[in-house]
Amino acid sequence: MDVHSPFNVHLAFKALMVVHIVQFALGIAVCILVGNHFRAGKDTNVHPIIFIGAIVLGTASAVTAEVYILRGPRPKYTIFVDMLLLIGWALLLGLYLILRRNRAQRIHYAAWVILANYIFWLIGGVGQWSTRGMTTG
């Protein structure tokens, strides 16, 4: 079977759609976990910009994933958006792994969700790169 057969192209775009749905859910989950922790007023010795950055990145991730879900196959330039979000999640993961020591359980959960976000944005970027020449019609 040809790699660019209509069945394989359709399957590839459906797989990317599932990845974007998971990215949306994980972005919302980060906002909820970090927002609840920030609102509770815990970790007063940690600068609030770290929590605000996580909420902003989670929101940007969820909005971007929603746009990708609603628009379907994407133009080639959106791989840069995927890579920017991937870099943002990598930086945030590093910060939260440092914060994880001697912190509340919510920070531990947030670190795992941030890791999952990083992995799914990596999968989305690779998927976007591998389907860049495919068309649905």
C-alpha atoms as a PDB file:
ATOM      1  CA  MET A   1       0.000   0.000   0.000  1.00  0.00           C
ATOM      2  CA  ASP A   2       1.282   3.459  -0.888  1.00  0.00           C
ATOM      3  CA  VAL A   3       2.272   5.658   2.053  1.00  0.00           C
ATOM      4  CA  HIS A   4       0.260   8.578   0.656  1.00  0.00           C
ATOM      5  CA  SER A   5      -2.852   6.543  -0.085  1.00  0.00           C
ATOM      6  CA  PRO A   6      -6.140   8.186   0.945  1.00  0.00           C
ATOM      7  CA  PHE A   7      -6.581   5.693   3.790  1.00  0.00           C
ATOM      8  CA  ASN A   8      -3.166   6.451   5.316  1.00  0.00           C
ATOM      9  CA  VAL A   9      -3.613  10.207   4.947  1.00  0.00           C
ATOM     10  CA  HIS A  10      -7.028  10.031   6.608  1.00  0.00           C
ATOM     11  CA  LEU A  11      -5.619   7.883   9.421  1.00  0.00           C
ATOM     12  CA  ALA A  12      -2.685  10.252   9.968  1.00  0.00           C
ATOM     13  CA  PHE A  13      -4.957  13.286  10.282  1.00  0.00           C
ATOM     14  CA  LYS A  14      -7.307  11.415  12.639  1.00  0.00           C
ATOM     15  CA  ALA A  15      -4.324  10.483  14.822  1.00  0.00           C
ATOM     16  CA  LEU A  16      -3.250  14.142  14.909  1.00  0.00           C
ATOM     17  CA  MET A  17      -6.804  15.098  15.876  1.00  0.00           C
ATOM     18  CA  VAL A  18      -6.664  12.718  18.857  1.00  0.00           C
ATOM     19  CA  VAL A  19      -3.290  14.180  19.874  1.00  0.00           C
ATOM     20  CA  HIS A  20      -4.765  17.702  19.746  1.00  0.00           C
ATOM     21  CA  ILE A  21      -7.741  16.664  21.878  1.00  0.00           C
ATOM     22  CA  VAL A  22      -5.337  15.298  24.508  1.00  0.00           C
ATOM     23  CA  GLN A  23      -3.243  18.496  24.269  1.00  0.00           C
ATOM     24  CA  PHE A  24      -6.379  20.555  24.911  1.00  0.00           C
ATOM     25  CA  ALA A  25      -7.342  18.472  27.952  1.00  0.00           C
ATOM     26  CA  LEU A  26      -3.829  18.568  29.397  1.00  0.00           C
ATOM     27  CA  GLY A  27      -3.584  22.340  28.920  1.00  0.00           C
ATOM     28  CA  ILE A  28      -6.798  22.785  30.890  1.00  0.00           C
ATOM     29  CA  ALA A  29      -5.559  20.331  33.542  1.00  0.00           C
ATOM     30  CA  VAL A  30      -2.372  22.353  34.084  1.00  0.00           C
ATOM     31  CA  CYS A  31      -4.406  25.533  34.471  1.00  0.00           C
ATOM     32  CA  ILE A  32      -6.643  23.870  37.066  1.00  0.00           C
ATOM     33  CA  LEU A  33      -3.848  22.233  39.074  1.00  0.00           C
ATOM     34  CA  VAL A  34      -1.546  25.231  39.155  1.00  0.00           C
ATOM     35  CA  GLY A  35      -4.389  27.729  39.540  1.00  0.00           C
ATOM     36  CA  ASN A  36      -5.808  25.928  42.565  1.00  0.00           C
ATOM     37  CA  HIS A  37      -2.372  25.736  44.148  1.00  0.00           C
ATOM     38  CA  PHE A  38      -1.700  29.415  43.453  1.00  0.00           C
ATOM     39  CA  ARG A  39      -5.114  30.474  44.715  1.00  0.00           C
ATOM     40  CA  ALA A  40      -4.676  28.490  47.933  1.00  0.00           C
ATOM     41  CA  GLY A  41      -1.714  30.748  48.750  1.00  0.00           C
ATOM     42  CA  LYS A  42       0.735  27.937  49.287  1.00  0.00           C
ATOM     43  CA  ASP A  43       4.464  28.231  48.553  1.00  0.00           C
ATOM     44  CA  THR A  44       4.784  31.869  49.471  1.00  0.00           C
ATOM     45  CA  ASN A  45       8.547  31.588  49.039  1.00  0.00           C
ATOM     46  CA  VAL A  46       8.153  30.803  45.323  1.00  0.00           C
ATOM     47  CA  HIS A  47       7.828  33.732  42.952  1.00  0.00           C
ATOM     48  CA  PRO A  48       4.262  33.880  41.544  1.00  0.00           C
ATOM     49  CA  ILE A  49       5.515  34.381  37.979  1.00  0.00           C
ATOM     50  CA  ILE A  50       6.222  30.643  37.825  1.00  0.00           C
ATOM     51  CA  PHE A  51       2.577  29.855  38.545  1.00  0.00           C
ATOM     52  CA  ILE A  52       1.311  32.595  36.252  1.00  0.00           C
ATOM     53  CA  GLY A  53       3.634  31.368  33.488  1.00  0.00           C
ATOM     54  CA  ALA A  54       2.228  27.853  33.843  1.00  0.00           C
ATOM     55  CA  ILE A  55      -1.328  29.154  33.621  1.00  0.00           C
ATOM     56  CA  VAL A  56      -0.522  31.302  30.573  1.00  0.00           C
ATOM     57  CA  LEU A  57       1.271  28.423  28.839  1.00  0.00           C
ATOM     58  CA  GLY A  58      -1.579  26.024  29.655  1.00  0.00           C
ATOM     59  CA  THR A  59      -4.090  28.509  28.256  1.00  0.00           C
ATOM     60  CA  ALA A  60      -2.031  29.099  25.106  1.00  0.00           C
ATOM     61  CA  SER A  61      -1.667  25.358  24.668  1.00  0.00           C
ATOM     62  CA  ALA A  62      -5.388  24.711  25.064  1.00  0.00           C
ATOM     63  CA  VAL A  63      -6.366  27.543  22.710  1.00  0.00           C
ATOM     64  CA  THR A  64      -3.832  26.418  20.089  1.00  0.00           C
ATOM     65  CA  ALA A  65      -5.027  22.815  20.314  1.00  0.00           C
ATOM     66  CA  GLU A  66      -8.635  23.977  19.989  1.00  0.00           C
ATOM     67  CA  VAL A  67      -7.788  26.011  16.885  1.00  0.00           C
ATOM     68  CA  TYR A  68      -6.039  22.964  15.426  1.00  0.00           C
ATOM     69  CA  ILE A  69      -9.080  20.794  16.206  1.00  0.00           C
ATOM     70  CA  LEU A  70     -11.522  23.220  14.588  1.00  0.00           C
ATOM     71  CA  ARG A  71      -9.405  23.955  11.499  1.00  0.00           C
ATOM     72  CA  GLY A  72      -8.412  20.384  10.652  1.00  0.00           C
ATOM     73  CA  PRO A  73      -5.284  20.008   8.483  1.00  0.00           C
ATOM     74  CA  ARG A  74      -2.948  22.920   9.125  1.00  0.00           C
ATOM     75  CA  PRO A  75      -0.664  25.076   7.026  1.00  0.00           C
ATOM     76  CA  LYS A  76       3.048  24.381   7.098  1.00  0.00           C
ATOM     77  CA  TYR A  77       4.002  27.388   9.237  1.00  0.00           C
ATOM     78  CA  THR A  78       2.168  26.089  12.324  1.00  0.00           C
ATOM     79  CA  ILE A  79       5.027  23.715  13.081  1.00  0.00           C
ATOM     80  CA  PHE A  80       6.799  26.755  14.529  1.00  0.00           C
ATOM     81  CA  VAL A  81       3.920  27.269  16.960  1.00  0.00           C
ATOM     82  CA  ASP A  82       4.221  23.606  17.946  1.00  0.00           C
ATOM     83  CA  MET A  83       7.940  23.998  18.554  1.00  0.00           C
ATOM     84  CA  LEU A  84       7.509  27.210  20.580  1.00  0.00           C
ATOM     85  CA  LEU A  85       4.994  25.489  22.823  1.00  0.00           C
ATOM     86  CA  LEU A  86       7.266  22.466  23.074  1.00  0.00           C
ATOM     87  CA  ILE A  87      10.143  24.685  24.223  1.00  0.00           C
ATOM     88  CA  GLY A  88       7.822  26.417  26.699  1.00  0.00           C
ATOM     89  CA  TRP A  89       6.729  23.089  28.167  1.00  0.00           C
ATOM     90  CA  ALA A  90      10.365  21.938  28.412  1.00  0.00           C
ATOM     91  CA  LEU A  91      11.344  25.093  30.317  1.00  0.00           C
ATOM     92  CA  LEU A  92       8.318  24.842  32.578  1.00  0.00           C
ATOM     93  CA  LEU A  93       9.041  21.174  33.232  1.00  0.00           C
ATOM     94  CA  GLY A  94      12.561  22.067  34.346  1.00  0.00           C
ATOM     95  CA  LEU A  95      11.221  24.707  36.736  1.00  0.00           C
ATOM     96  CA  TYR A  96       8.621  22.384  38.209  1.00  0.00           C
ATOM     97  CA  LEU A  97      11.099  19.561  38.657  1.00  0.00           C
ATOM     98  CA  ILE A  98      13.183  21.971  40.730  1.00  0.00           C
ATOM     99  CA  LEU A  99      10.065  23.086  42.648  1.00  0.00           C
ATOM    100  CA  ARG A 100       8.905  19.525  43.239  1.00  0.00           C
ATOM    101  CA  ARG A 101      11.229  18.974  46.176  1.00  0.00           C
ATOM    102  CA  ASN A 102       9.506  19.417  49.539  1.00  0.00           C
ATOM    103  CA  ARG A 103       6.320  20.864  48.052  1.00  0.00           C
ATOM    104  CA  ALA A 104       2.633  20.027  48.166  1.00  0.00           C
ATOM    105  CA  GLN A 105       1.265  17.018  46.328  1.00  0.00           C
ATOM    106  CA  ARG A 106      -0.403  19.291  43.741  1.00  0.00           C
ATOM    107  CA  ILE A 107       3.004  20.412  42.510  1.00  0.00           C
ATOM    108  CA  HIS A 108       3.958  16.761  42.016  1.00  0.00           C
ATOM    109  CA  TYR A 109       0.787  16.198  39.985  1.00  0.00           C
ATOM    110  CA  ALA A 110       1.380  19.389  38.011  1.00  0.00           C
ATOM    111  CA  ALA A 111       4.914  18.229  37.155  1.00  0.00           C
ATOM    112  CA  TRP A 112       3.527  14.961  35.762  1.00  0.00           C
ATOM    113  CA  VAL A 113       0.867  16.773  33.733  1.00  0.00           C
ATOM    114  CA  ILE A 114       3.502  19.196  32.419  1.00  0.00           C
ATOM    115  CA  LEU A 115       5.629  16.194  31.381  1.00  0.00           C
ATOM    116  CA  ALA A 116       2.615  14.694  29.586  1.00  0.00           C
ATOM    117  CA  ASN A 117       2.019  18.042  27.848  1.00  0.00           C
ATOM    118  CA  TYR A 118       5.642  18.130  26.728  1.00  0.00           C
ATOM    119  CA  ILE A 119       5.377  14.602  25.322  1.00  0.00           C
ATOM    120  CA  PHE A 120       2.135  15.294  23.457  1.00  0.00           C
ATOM    121  CA  TRP A 121       3.433  18.544  21.951  1.00  0.00           C
ATOM    122  CA  LEU A 122       6.504  16.600  20.827  1.00  0.00           C
ATOM    123  CA  ILE A 123       4.248  13.956  19.259  1.00  0.00           C
ATOM    124  CA  GLY A 124       2.154  16.713  17.630  1.00  0.00           C
ATOM    125  CA  GLY A 125       5.237  18.418  16.217  1.00  0.00           C
ATOM    126  CA  VAL A 126       6.604  15.173  14.809  1.00  0.00           C
ATOM    127  CA  GLY A 127       3.164  14.318  13.430  1.00  0.00           C
ATOM    128  CA  GLN A 128       2.858  17.725  11.823  1.00  0.00           C
ATOM    129  CA  TRP A 129       6.322  17.360  10.307  1.00  0.00           C
ATOM    130  CA  SER A 130       5.595  13.886   8.968  1.00  0.00           C
ATOM    131  CA  THR A 131       2.276  14.932   7.372  1.00  0.00           C
ATOM    132  CA  ARG A 132       3.516  18.233   5.910  1.00  0.00           C
ATOM    133  CA  GLY A 133       3.271  17.047   2.298  1.00  0.00           C
ATOM    134  CA  MET A 134      -0.017  15.174   2.626  1.00  0.00           C
ATOM    135  CA  THR A 135      -3.361  16.523   1.505  1.00  0.00           C
ATOM    136  CA  THR A 136      -6.816  15.271   2.379  1.00  0.00           C
ATOM    137  CA  GLY A 137      -8.385  15.798  -0.982  1.00  0.00           C
END
